[in-house]
Amino acid sequence: FRLAGSTVTSQNVSLAPGASSQVSFDIDTTGVAPGTYTHGVYTLDDNQTAQITIQQPATFEVSNLSAPSNASVGDTVTVTADVQNVGDVAGQKDVEFRFNGSTVATQSEQLIAGGSTQVTFTVDTSGVAPGTYTHGVYTPDDNQTATIDIVGQADFQVSNLSAPGSAVQGDMVNVTADITN
């Protein structure tokens, strides 16, 4: 069996005069670049050829990641990205949102060849410790990442309240206090 002029595999066949036999070849196209190729079965005396088109499988690329660069613990964060099938055939693949190396949300997307969609992930940061984290949108073929700074919620403390103990109706009263975060 030859593909694009190169012998890929062969079999030894012995036949009596006038006899025939069917041969079968299983050919792995992994690593064969997309394109149209001549292939065929060849003997020392004859050959028969045909054309085969190898298509690029569904390949999902990620672009245009949009996410806030910071949030407070407890905020809900919305992350969007565009996912496009740059392959030659339709396909379905899982698209994941990963936060700090862990998958926190997954959605399955079906795209025609050349098709695209915008994916949206909404993530609750409750329980996330303050810090800087890497997050992103991942497909089996590609990803885009960004960083987000998660800050603690404000913890305002009131101290040193100063106010008069009494006032006459109609008087202006001055009240002061220190606020500390």
N, C-alpha and C. Protein backbone atom coordinates (compact mmCIF):
# COMPACT_ATOMS: atom_id res chain seq x y z
N PHE A 1 0.85 -1.17 0.00
CA PHE A 1 0.00 0.00 0.00
C PHE A 1 0.89 1.22 0.00
N ARG A 2 0.60 2.16 -0.90
CA ARG A 2 1.39 3.38 -1.00
C ARG A 2 0.48 4.60 -0.80
N LEU A 3 1.03 5.58 -0.13
CA LEU A 3 0.35 6.86 0.07
C LEU A 3 1.31 7.95 -0.35
N ALA A 4 0.88 8.76 -1.30
CA ALA A 4 1.70 9.86 -1.82
C ALA A 4 3.06 9.35 -2.32
N GLY A 5 3.04 8.18 -2.94
CA GLY A 5 4.25 7.64 -3.54
C GLY A 5 5.14 6.86 -2.59
N SER A 6 4.85 6.85 -1.31
CA SER A 6 5.68 6.13 -0.35
C SER A 6 4.97 4.86 0.12
N THR A 7 5.75 3.78 0.21
CA THR A 7 5.19 2.53 0.71
C THR A 7 4.94 2.69 2.21
N VAL A 8 3.70 2.44 2.62
CA VAL A 8 3.31 2.57 4.02
C VAL A 8 3.36 1.21 4.70
N THR A 9 2.85 0.20 4.03
CA THR A 9 2.84 -1.15 4.57
C THR A 9 2.74 -2.13 3.41
N SER A 10 3.04 -3.38 3.68
CA SER A 10 2.95 -4.38 2.61
C SER A 10 2.53 -5.73 3.20
N GLN A 11 2.09 -6.60 2.32
CA GLN A 11 1.72 -7.97 2.68
C GLN A 11 2.29 -8.90 1.61
N ASN A 12 2.69 -10.08 2.02
CA ASN A 12 3.10 -11.10 1.06
C ASN A 12 1.86 -11.92 0.70
N VAL A 13 1.62 -12.06 -0.59
CA VAL A 13 0.47 -12.82 -1.06
C VAL A 13 0.97 -13.88 -2.02
N SER A 14 0.56 -15.13 -1.79
CA SER A 14 0.88 -16.24 -2.71
C SER A 14 -0.43 -16.69 -3.34
N LEU A 15 -0.44 -16.83 -4.67
CA LEU A 15 -1.65 -17.24 -5.37
C LEU A 15 -1.33 -18.30 -6.41
N ALA A 16 -2.21 -19.25 -6.53
CA ALA A 16 -2.12 -20.23 -7.60
C ALA A 16 -2.58 -19.53 -8.88
N PRO A 17 -2.19 -20.03 -10.05
CA PRO A 17 -2.64 -19.41 -11.30
C PRO A 17 -4.17 -19.31 -11.35
N GLY A 18 -4.69 -18.14 -11.67
CA GLY A 18 -6.12 -17.91 -11.81
C GLY A 18 -6.83 -17.65 -10.49
N ALA A 19 -6.14 -17.75 -9.35
CA ALA A 19 -6.76 -17.53 -8.04
C ALA A 19 -6.72 -16.04 -7.68
N SER A 20 -7.54 -15.69 -6.75
CA SER A 20 -7.52 -14.30 -6.28
C SER A 20 -7.65 -14.30 -4.76
N SER A 21 -7.29 -13.17 -4.17
CA SER A 21 -7.37 -13.01 -2.72
C SER A 21 -7.59 -11.53 -2.43
N GLN A 22 -8.34 -11.27 -1.40
CA GLN A 22 -8.54 -9.87 -1.01
C GLN A 22 -7.51 -9.50 0.04
N VAL A 23 -6.93 -8.32 -0.11
CA VAL A 23 -6.01 -7.80 0.89
C VAL A 23 -6.69 -6.63 1.58
N SER A 24 -6.29 -6.40 2.81
CA SER A 24 -6.87 -5.32 3.60
C SER A 24 -5.75 -4.61 4.35
N PHE A 25 -5.79 -3.28 4.36
CA PHE A 25 -4.78 -2.49 5.05
C PHE A 25 -5.48 -1.50 5.98
N ASP A 26 -5.06 -1.45 7.23
CA ASP A 26 -5.52 -0.44 8.17
C ASP A 26 -4.43 0.62 8.26
N ILE A 27 -4.77 1.81 7.83
CA ILE A 27 -3.77 2.87 7.75
C ILE A 27 -4.10 3.95 8.78
N ASP A 28 -3.14 4.27 9.64
CA ASP A 28 -3.29 5.32 10.64
C ASP A 28 -2.89 6.64 9.99
N THR A 29 -3.81 7.59 9.94
CA THR A 29 -3.53 8.88 9.30
C THR A 29 -2.99 9.92 10.28
N THR A 30 -2.75 9.51 11.53
CA THR A 30 -2.14 10.43 12.49
C THR A 30 -0.80 10.90 11.92
N GLY A 31 -0.58 12.17 11.94
CA GLY A 31 0.68 12.72 11.45
C GLY A 31 0.69 13.03 9.96
N VAL A 32 -0.36 12.63 9.24
CA VAL A 32 -0.45 12.96 7.82
C VAL A 32 -1.09 14.35 7.72
N ALA A 33 -0.38 15.28 7.11
CA ALA A 33 -0.88 16.64 6.99
C ALA A 33 -2.16 16.68 6.17
N PRO A 34 -3.08 17.57 6.51
CA PRO A 34 -4.29 17.70 5.70
C PRO A 34 -3.94 17.98 4.24
N GLY A 35 -4.69 17.38 3.33
CA GLY A 35 -4.47 17.55 1.90
C GLY A 35 -5.05 16.38 1.14
N THR A 36 -4.93 16.43 -0.18
CA THR A 36 -5.41 15.35 -1.04
C THR A 36 -4.21 14.55 -1.54
N TYR A 37 -4.30 13.24 -1.41
CA TYR A 37 -3.20 12.35 -1.74
C TYR A 37 -3.67 11.24 -2.66
N THR A 38 -2.74 10.78 -3.51
CA THR A 38 -2.96 9.56 -4.29
C THR A 38 -2.51 8.40 -3.43
N HIS A 39 -3.34 7.37 -3.37
CA HIS A 39 -3.00 6.17 -2.62
C HIS A 39 -3.39 4.97 -3.47
N GLY A 40 -2.85 3.82 -3.13
CA GLY A 40 -3.23 2.65 -3.88
C GLY A 40 -2.51 1.39 -3.46
N VAL A 41 -2.96 0.30 -4.09
CA VAL A 41 -2.38 -1.01 -3.87
C VAL A 41 -1.55 -1.35 -5.10
N TYR A 42 -0.30 -1.73 -4.87
CA TYR A 42 0.66 -1.97 -5.94
C TYR A 42 1.20 -3.39 -5.83
N THR A 43 1.36 -4.04 -6.98
CA THR A 43 2.10 -5.29 -7.07
C THR A 43 3.26 -5.02 -8.02
N LEU A 44 4.08 -6.01 -8.21
CA LEU A 44 5.17 -5.84 -9.18
C LEU A 44 4.63 -5.67 -10.60
N ASP A 45 3.41 -6.19 -10.85
CA ASP A 45 2.86 -6.19 -12.20
C ASP A 45 1.77 -5.16 -12.45
N ASP A 46 1.13 -4.66 -11.41
CA ASP A 46 -0.05 -3.82 -11.62
C ASP A 46 -0.27 -2.94 -10.39
N ASN A 47 -1.21 -2.02 -10.53
CA ASN A 47 -1.62 -1.20 -9.38
C ASN A 47 -3.00 -0.61 -9.65
N GLN A 48 -3.63 -0.20 -8.60
CA GLN A 48 -4.88 0.54 -8.71
C GLN A 48 -4.80 1.66 -7.67
N THR A 49 -5.13 2.89 -8.13
CA THR A 49 -4.99 4.04 -7.25
C THR A 49 -6.31 4.80 -7.14
N ALA A 50 -6.38 5.64 -6.13
CA ALA A 50 -7.53 6.52 -5.91
C ALA A 50 -7.01 7.76 -5.18
N GLN A 51 -7.89 8.68 -4.94
CA GLN A 51 -7.55 9.89 -4.20
C GLN A 51 -8.20 9.83 -2.82
N ILE A 52 -7.50 10.32 -1.83
CA ILE A 52 -8.05 10.46 -0.49
C ILE A 52 -7.73 11.86 0.01
N THR A 53 -8.72 12.49 0.63
CA THR A 53 -8.50 13.81 1.23
C THR A 53 -8.46 13.65 2.74
N ILE A 54 -7.35 14.04 3.31
CA ILE A 54 -7.18 14.01 4.76
C ILE A 54 -7.58 15.39 5.27
N GLN A 55 -8.57 15.41 6.16
CA GLN A 55 -9.06 16.67 6.70
C GLN A 55 -8.53 16.88 8.11
N GLN A 56 -8.33 18.15 8.46
CA GLN A 56 -7.93 18.48 9.82
C GLN A 56 -9.11 18.23 10.74
N PRO A 57 -8.91 17.52 11.83
CA PRO A 57 -10.02 17.25 12.74
C PRO A 57 -10.50 18.55 13.39
N ALA A 58 -11.64 18.48 14.04
CA ALA A 58 -12.14 19.64 14.77
C ALA A 58 -11.08 20.08 15.77
N THR A 59 -10.69 21.32 15.67
CA THR A 59 -9.67 21.90 16.55
C THR A 59 -10.23 23.20 17.10
N PHE A 60 -10.42 23.25 18.41
CA PHE A 60 -11.07 24.40 19.04
C PHE A 60 -10.00 25.34 19.61
N GLU A 61 -9.95 26.55 19.07
CA GLU A 61 -9.02 27.58 19.54
C GLU A 61 -9.77 28.61 20.39
N VAL A 62 -9.08 29.15 21.38
CA VAL A 62 -9.66 30.13 22.30
C VAL A 62 -9.03 31.49 22.03
N SER A 63 -9.87 32.54 22.00
CA SER A 63 -9.37 33.90 21.81
C SER A 63 -10.25 34.89 22.57
N ASN A 64 -9.80 36.10 22.64
CA ASN A 64 -10.56 37.22 23.22
C ASN A 64 -11.06 36.96 24.64
N LEU A 65 -10.18 36.41 25.49
CA LEU A 65 -10.54 36.20 26.89
C LEU A 65 -10.82 37.55 27.53
N SER A 66 -11.95 37.66 28.18
CA SER A 66 -12.33 38.90 28.86
C SER A 66 -12.70 38.55 30.30
N ALA A 67 -11.99 39.18 31.25
CA ALA A 67 -12.23 38.91 32.66
C ALA A 67 -11.71 40.09 33.47
N PRO A 68 -12.31 40.34 34.63
CA PRO A 68 -11.78 41.42 35.46
C PRO A 68 -10.39 41.06 35.98
N SER A 69 -9.60 42.09 36.23
CA SER A 69 -8.25 41.84 36.75
C SER A 69 -8.23 41.78 38.27
N ASN A 70 -9.34 42.19 38.91
CA ASN A 70 -9.41 42.07 40.36
C ASN A 70 -10.86 41.95 40.80
N ALA A 71 -11.04 41.40 42.00
CA ALA A 71 -12.36 41.23 42.59
C ALA A 71 -12.17 41.07 44.08
N SER A 72 -13.25 41.24 44.81
CA SER A 72 -13.24 41.02 46.25
C SER A 72 -13.77 39.64 46.57
N VAL A 73 -13.30 39.06 47.66
CA VAL A 73 -13.82 37.78 48.12
C VAL A 73 -15.34 37.91 48.20
N GLY A 74 -16.05 36.95 47.63
CA GLY A 74 -17.51 36.96 47.65
C GLY A 74 -18.14 37.54 46.40
N ASP A 75 -17.34 38.20 45.55
CA ASP A 75 -17.88 38.74 44.30
C ASP A 75 -18.21 37.60 43.33
N THR A 76 -19.13 37.88 42.43
CA THR A 76 -19.39 36.99 41.31
C THR A 76 -18.66 37.56 40.11
N VAL A 77 -17.82 36.75 39.49
CA VAL A 77 -16.97 37.18 38.37
C VAL A 77 -17.48 36.53 37.09
N THR A 78 -17.60 37.31 36.03
CA THR A 78 -18.02 36.79 34.73
C THR A 78 -16.82 36.81 33.79
N VAL A 79 -16.56 35.66 33.17
CA VAL A 79 -15.45 35.49 32.24
C VAL A 79 -16.03 35.05 30.90
N THR A 80 -15.61 35.69 29.81
CA THR A 80 -16.05 35.28 28.47
C THR A 80 -14.83 35.04 27.59
N ALA A 81 -15.03 34.24 26.56
CA ALA A 81 -13.99 33.99 25.56
C ALA A 81 -14.67 33.51 24.29
N ASP A 82 -14.00 33.70 23.17
CA ASP A 82 -14.48 33.17 21.90
C ASP A 82 -13.81 31.83 21.66
N VAL A 83 -14.58 30.86 21.18
CA VAL A 83 -14.06 29.54 20.83
C VAL A 83 -14.40 29.30 19.38
N GLN A 84 -13.38 28.96 18.56
CA GLN A 84 -13.60 28.73 17.14
C GLN A 84 -13.05 27.37 16.73
N ASN A 85 -13.82 26.65 15.89
CA ASN A 85 -13.38 25.39 15.32
C ASN A 85 -12.61 25.72 14.05
N VAL A 86 -11.28 25.61 14.11
CA VAL A 86 -10.44 25.91 12.95
C VAL A 86 -10.16 24.66 12.12
N GLY A 87 -10.79 23.54 12.49
CA GLY A 87 -10.63 22.29 11.74
C GLY A 87 -11.50 22.27 10.50
N ASP A 88 -11.38 21.18 9.75
CA ASP A 88 -12.11 21.00 8.50
C ASP A 88 -13.45 20.29 8.67
N VAL A 89 -13.71 19.76 9.86
CA VAL A 89 -14.95 19.01 10.10
C VAL A 89 -15.60 19.51 11.40
N ALA A 90 -16.89 19.25 11.52
CA ALA A 90 -17.62 19.62 12.73
C ALA A 90 -17.12 18.78 13.90
N GLY A 91 -17.31 19.30 15.10
CA GLY A 91 -16.91 18.55 16.27
C GLY A 91 -17.54 19.08 17.53
N GLN A 92 -17.50 18.26 18.56
CA GLN A 92 -18.00 18.65 19.87
C GLN A 92 -16.89 18.42 20.87
N LYS A 93 -16.64 19.45 21.68
CA LYS A 93 -15.58 19.35 22.69
C LYS A 93 -16.00 20.08 23.95
N ASP A 94 -15.40 19.65 25.05
CA ASP A 94 -15.63 20.34 26.32
C ASP A 94 -14.77 21.58 26.39
N VAL A 95 -15.38 22.66 26.89
CA VAL A 95 -14.67 23.91 27.15
C VAL A 95 -14.72 24.11 28.66
N GLU A 96 -13.55 24.32 29.27
CA GLU A 96 -13.47 24.40 30.72
C GLU A 96 -13.04 25.78 31.18
N PHE A 97 -13.52 26.17 32.35
CA PHE A 97 -12.97 27.32 33.05
C PHE A 97 -12.16 26.77 34.21
N ARG A 98 -10.89 27.13 34.24
CA ARG A 98 -10.00 26.66 35.30
C ARG A 98 -9.56 27.86 36.15
N PHE A 99 -9.56 27.62 37.45
CA PHE A 99 -9.14 28.64 38.40
C PHE A 99 -8.07 28.03 39.29
N ASN A 100 -6.89 28.63 39.26
CA ASN A 100 -5.78 28.17 40.09
C ASN A 100 -5.48 26.68 39.83
N GLY A 101 -5.57 26.27 38.56
CA GLY A 101 -5.23 24.91 38.17
C GLY A 101 -6.35 23.90 38.26
N SER A 102 -7.49 24.28 38.84
CA SER A 102 -8.61 23.35 38.99
C SER A 102 -9.76 23.73 38.06
N THR A 103 -10.38 22.72 37.46
CA THR A 103 -11.56 22.95 36.63
C THR A 103 -12.73 23.23 37.55
N VAL A 104 -13.36 24.40 37.37
CA VAL A 104 -14.50 24.76 38.22
C VAL A 104 -15.81 24.80 37.44
N ALA A 105 -15.73 24.80 36.11
CA ALA A 105 -16.95 24.77 35.29
C ALA A 105 -16.59 24.20 33.92
N THR A 106 -17.54 23.45 33.35
CA THR A 106 -17.35 22.85 32.02
C THR A 106 -18.64 22.98 31.24
N GLN A 107 -18.50 23.30 29.96
CA GLN A 107 -19.66 23.26 29.06
C GLN A 107 -19.21 22.63 27.76
N SER A 108 -20.11 21.86 27.15
CA SER A 108 -19.81 21.18 25.90
C SER A 108 -20.29 22.06 24.75
N GLU A 109 -19.44 22.21 23.74
CA GLU A 109 -19.77 23.03 22.58
C GLU A 109 -19.67 22.21 21.31
N GLN A 110 -20.68 22.32 20.46
CA GLN A 110 -20.73 21.68 19.14
C GLN A 110 -20.53 22.80 18.12
N LEU A 111 -19.49 22.68 17.29
CA LEU A 111 -19.22 23.71 16.29
C LEU A 111 -18.99 23.09 14.92
N ILE A 112 -19.57 23.72 13.91
CA ILE A 112 -19.29 23.31 12.53
C ILE A 112 -17.88 23.75 12.17
N ALA A 113 -17.33 23.23 11.10
CA ALA A 113 -16.02 23.65 10.63
C ALA A 113 -16.05 25.15 10.39
N GLY A 114 -15.12 25.88 11.00
CA GLY A 114 -15.06 27.33 10.85
C GLY A 114 -16.01 28.08 11.77
N GLY A 115 -16.87 27.36 12.49
CA GLY A 115 -17.85 28.00 13.37
C GLY A 115 -17.22 28.50 14.65
N SER A 116 -17.89 29.46 15.29
CA SER A 116 -17.40 29.99 16.55
C SER A 116 -18.57 30.33 17.45
N THR A 117 -18.25 30.46 18.72
CA THR A 117 -19.24 30.85 19.73
C THR A 117 -18.53 31.57 20.84
N GLN A 118 -19.29 32.35 21.59
CA GLN A 118 -18.74 32.98 22.79
C GLN A 118 -19.21 32.17 23.99
N VAL A 119 -18.28 31.78 24.84
CA VAL A 119 -18.63 31.06 26.05
C VAL A 119 -18.57 32.03 27.23
N THR A 120 -19.44 31.78 28.20
CA THR A 120 -19.50 32.63 29.39
C THR A 120 -19.49 31.74 30.62
N PHE A 121 -18.64 32.09 31.56
CA PHE A 121 -18.57 31.38 32.84
C PHE A 121 -18.78 32.41 33.95
N THR A 122 -19.65 32.09 34.89
CA THR A 122 -19.89 32.95 36.04
C THR A 122 -19.39 32.20 37.26
N VAL A 123 -18.48 32.85 38.01
CA VAL A 123 -17.79 32.18 39.10
C VAL A 123 -17.96 32.98 40.38
N ASP A 124 -18.33 32.30 41.44
CA ASP A 124 -18.48 32.91 42.76
C ASP A 124 -17.14 32.80 43.49
N THR A 125 -16.63 33.92 43.99
CA THR A 125 -15.34 33.91 44.68
C THR A 125 -15.47 33.74 46.19
N SER A 126 -16.67 33.41 46.67
CA SER A 126 -16.83 33.15 48.11
C SER A 126 -15.91 32.00 48.51
N GLY A 127 -15.23 32.17 49.59
CA GLY A 127 -14.34 31.12 50.08
C GLY A 127 -12.96 31.13 49.45
N VAL A 128 -12.72 32.03 48.50
CA VAL A 128 -11.39 32.11 47.90
C VAL A 128 -10.53 33.04 48.76
N ALA A 129 -9.37 32.58 49.16
CA ALA A 129 -8.48 33.40 49.97
C ALA A 129 -7.92 34.55 49.14
N PRO A 130 -7.71 35.70 49.75
CA PRO A 130 -7.09 36.80 49.01
C PRO A 130 -5.75 36.36 48.41
N GLY A 131 -5.48 36.83 47.19
CA GLY A 131 -4.23 36.49 46.51
C GLY A 131 -4.37 36.71 45.02
N THR A 132 -3.30 36.41 44.30
CA THR A 132 -3.28 36.53 42.84
C THR A 132 -3.36 35.12 42.26
N TYR A 133 -4.30 34.92 41.34
CA TYR A 133 -4.56 33.60 40.79
C TYR A 133 -4.53 33.63 39.27
N THR A 134 -4.10 32.52 38.68
CA THR A 134 -4.19 32.33 37.23
C THR A 134 -5.49 31.60 36.95
N HIS A 135 -6.20 32.06 35.94
CA HIS A 135 -7.45 31.43 35.54
C HIS A 135 -7.54 31.51 34.02
N GLY A 136 -8.43 30.71 33.43
CA GLY A 136 -8.56 30.78 31.98
C GLY A 136 -9.58 29.82 31.43
N VAL A 137 -9.74 29.92 30.11
CA VAL A 137 -10.66 29.08 29.35
C VAL A 137 -9.81 28.10 28.55
N TYR A 138 -10.17 26.80 28.66
CA TYR A 138 -9.37 25.72 28.08
C TYR A 138 -10.24 24.84 27.19
N THR A 139 -9.66 24.42 26.05
CA THR A 139 -10.22 23.34 25.24
C THR A 139 -9.14 22.27 25.20
N PRO A 140 -9.42 21.09 24.66
CA PRO A 140 -8.36 20.09 24.54
C PRO A 140 -7.22 20.54 23.62
N ASP A 141 -7.48 21.57 22.80
CA ASP A 141 -6.50 22.00 21.80
C ASP A 141 -5.79 23.30 22.11
N ASP A 142 -6.36 24.15 22.98
CA ASP A 142 -5.84 25.50 23.14
C ASP A 142 -6.35 26.08 24.46
N ASN A 143 -5.79 27.21 24.86
CA ASN A 143 -6.29 27.91 26.04
C ASN A 143 -5.83 29.36 26.03
N GLN A 144 -6.50 30.16 26.81
CA GLN A 144 -6.07 31.53 27.09
C GLN A 144 -6.23 31.74 28.58
N THR A 145 -5.21 32.38 29.19
CA THR A 145 -5.24 32.58 30.63
C THR A 145 -5.00 34.05 30.96
N ALA A 146 -5.34 34.39 32.18
CA ALA A 146 -5.11 35.73 32.72
C ALA A 146 -4.90 35.58 34.22
N THR A 147 -4.58 36.68 34.89
CA THR A 147 -4.48 36.65 36.34
C THR A 147 -5.56 37.56 36.92
N ILE A 148 -5.96 37.22 38.12
CA ILE A 148 -6.93 38.02 38.85
C ILE A 148 -6.44 38.16 40.28
N ASP A 149 -6.54 39.38 40.80
CA ASP A 149 -6.22 39.63 42.20
C ASP A 149 -7.52 39.59 43.00
N ILE A 150 -7.58 38.69 43.95
CA ILE A 150 -8.73 38.60 44.84
C ILE A 150 -8.32 39.28 46.15
N VAL A 151 -9.06 40.30 46.52
CA VAL A 151 -8.77 41.02 47.75
C VAL A 151 -9.83 40.69 48.78
N GLY A 152 -9.43 40.78 50.06
CA GLY A 152 -10.38 40.51 51.13
C GLY A 152 -11.45 41.58 51.17
N GLN A 153 -12.59 41.21 51.69
CA GLN A 153 -13.65 42.18 51.84
C GLN A 153 -13.23 43.21 52.87
N ALA A 154 -13.72 44.41 52.70
CA ALA A 154 -13.41 45.46 53.65
C ALA A 154 -13.94 45.06 55.02
N ASP A 155 -13.13 45.28 56.03
CA ASP A 155 -13.50 44.96 57.40
C ASP A 155 -13.34 46.23 58.22
N PHE A 156 -14.30 47.12 58.06
CA PHE A 156 -14.22 48.43 58.71
C PHE A 156 -14.55 48.32 60.19
N GLN A 157 -13.71 48.94 60.99
CA GLN A 157 -13.90 48.98 62.44
C GLN A 157 -14.17 50.43 62.85
N VAL A 158 -15.13 50.61 63.75
CA VAL A 158 -15.46 51.94 64.26
C VAL A 158 -14.91 52.05 65.68
N SER A 159 -14.24 53.16 65.95
CA SER A 159 -13.71 53.40 67.30
C SER A 159 -13.74 54.90 67.60
N ASN A 160 -13.50 55.19 68.84
CA ASN A 160 -13.38 56.57 69.31
C ASN A 160 -14.61 57.42 68.98
N LEU A 161 -15.78 56.89 69.24
CA LEU A 161 -17.01 57.65 69.03
C LEU A 161 -17.03 58.82 70.01
N SER A 162 -17.29 60.00 69.48
CA SER A 162 -17.39 61.20 70.31
C SER A 162 -18.67 61.93 69.96
N ALA A 163 -19.55 62.08 70.93
CA ALA A 163 -20.82 62.78 70.71
C ALA A 163 -21.29 63.33 72.06
N PRO A 164 -22.01 64.44 72.04
CA PRO A 164 -22.52 64.97 73.31
C PRO A 164 -23.55 64.00 73.90
N GLY A 165 -23.68 64.03 75.19
CA GLY A 165 -24.62 63.16 75.87
C GLY A 165 -26.06 63.64 75.77
N SER A 166 -26.25 64.91 75.43
CA SER A 166 -27.61 65.44 75.29
C SER A 166 -27.58 66.61 74.33
N ALA A 167 -28.74 66.97 73.83
CA ALA A 167 -28.86 68.11 72.91
C ALA A 167 -30.26 68.68 73.05
N VAL A 168 -30.40 69.97 72.71
CA VAL A 168 -31.70 70.63 72.72
C VAL A 168 -32.23 70.56 71.31
N GLN A 169 -33.50 70.29 71.21
CA GLN A 169 -34.12 70.20 69.90
C GLN A 169 -33.81 71.45 69.11
N GLY A 170 -33.34 71.28 67.87
CA GLY A 170 -32.97 72.39 66.98
C GLY A 170 -31.49 72.69 67.00
N ASP A 171 -30.71 72.13 67.97
CA ASP A 171 -29.26 72.35 68.01
C ASP A 171 -28.57 71.48 66.97
N MET A 172 -27.44 71.96 66.49
CA MET A 172 -26.57 71.15 65.64
C MET A 172 -25.70 70.31 66.58
N VAL A 173 -25.57 69.02 66.30
CA VAL A 173 -24.78 68.13 67.13
C VAL A 173 -23.64 67.60 66.28
N ASN A 174 -22.43 67.64 66.80
CA ASN A 174 -21.25 67.13 66.09
C ASN A 174 -20.90 65.76 66.66
N VAL A 175 -20.90 64.76 65.75
CA VAL A 175 -20.53 63.39 66.14
C VAL A 175 -19.32 63.01 65.31
N THR A 176 -18.27 62.46 65.94
CA THR A 176 -17.08 62.00 65.23
C THR A 176 -16.76 60.57 65.63
N ALA A 177 -16.07 59.87 64.77
CA ALA A 177 -15.63 58.51 65.03
C ALA A 177 -14.45 58.22 64.10
N ASP A 178 -13.59 57.29 64.50
CA ASP A 178 -12.51 56.84 63.65
C ASP A 178 -12.95 55.55 62.95
N ILE A 179 -12.73 55.46 61.64
CA ILE A 179 -13.05 54.27 60.84
C ILE A 179 -11.72 53.71 60.37
N THR A 180 -11.49 52.41 60.63
CA THR A 180 -10.24 51.75 60.27
C THR A 180 -10.57 50.49 59.48
N ASN A 181 -9.79 50.26 58.43
CA ASN A 181 -9.96 49.03 57.63
C ASN A 181 -8.87 48.07 58.05
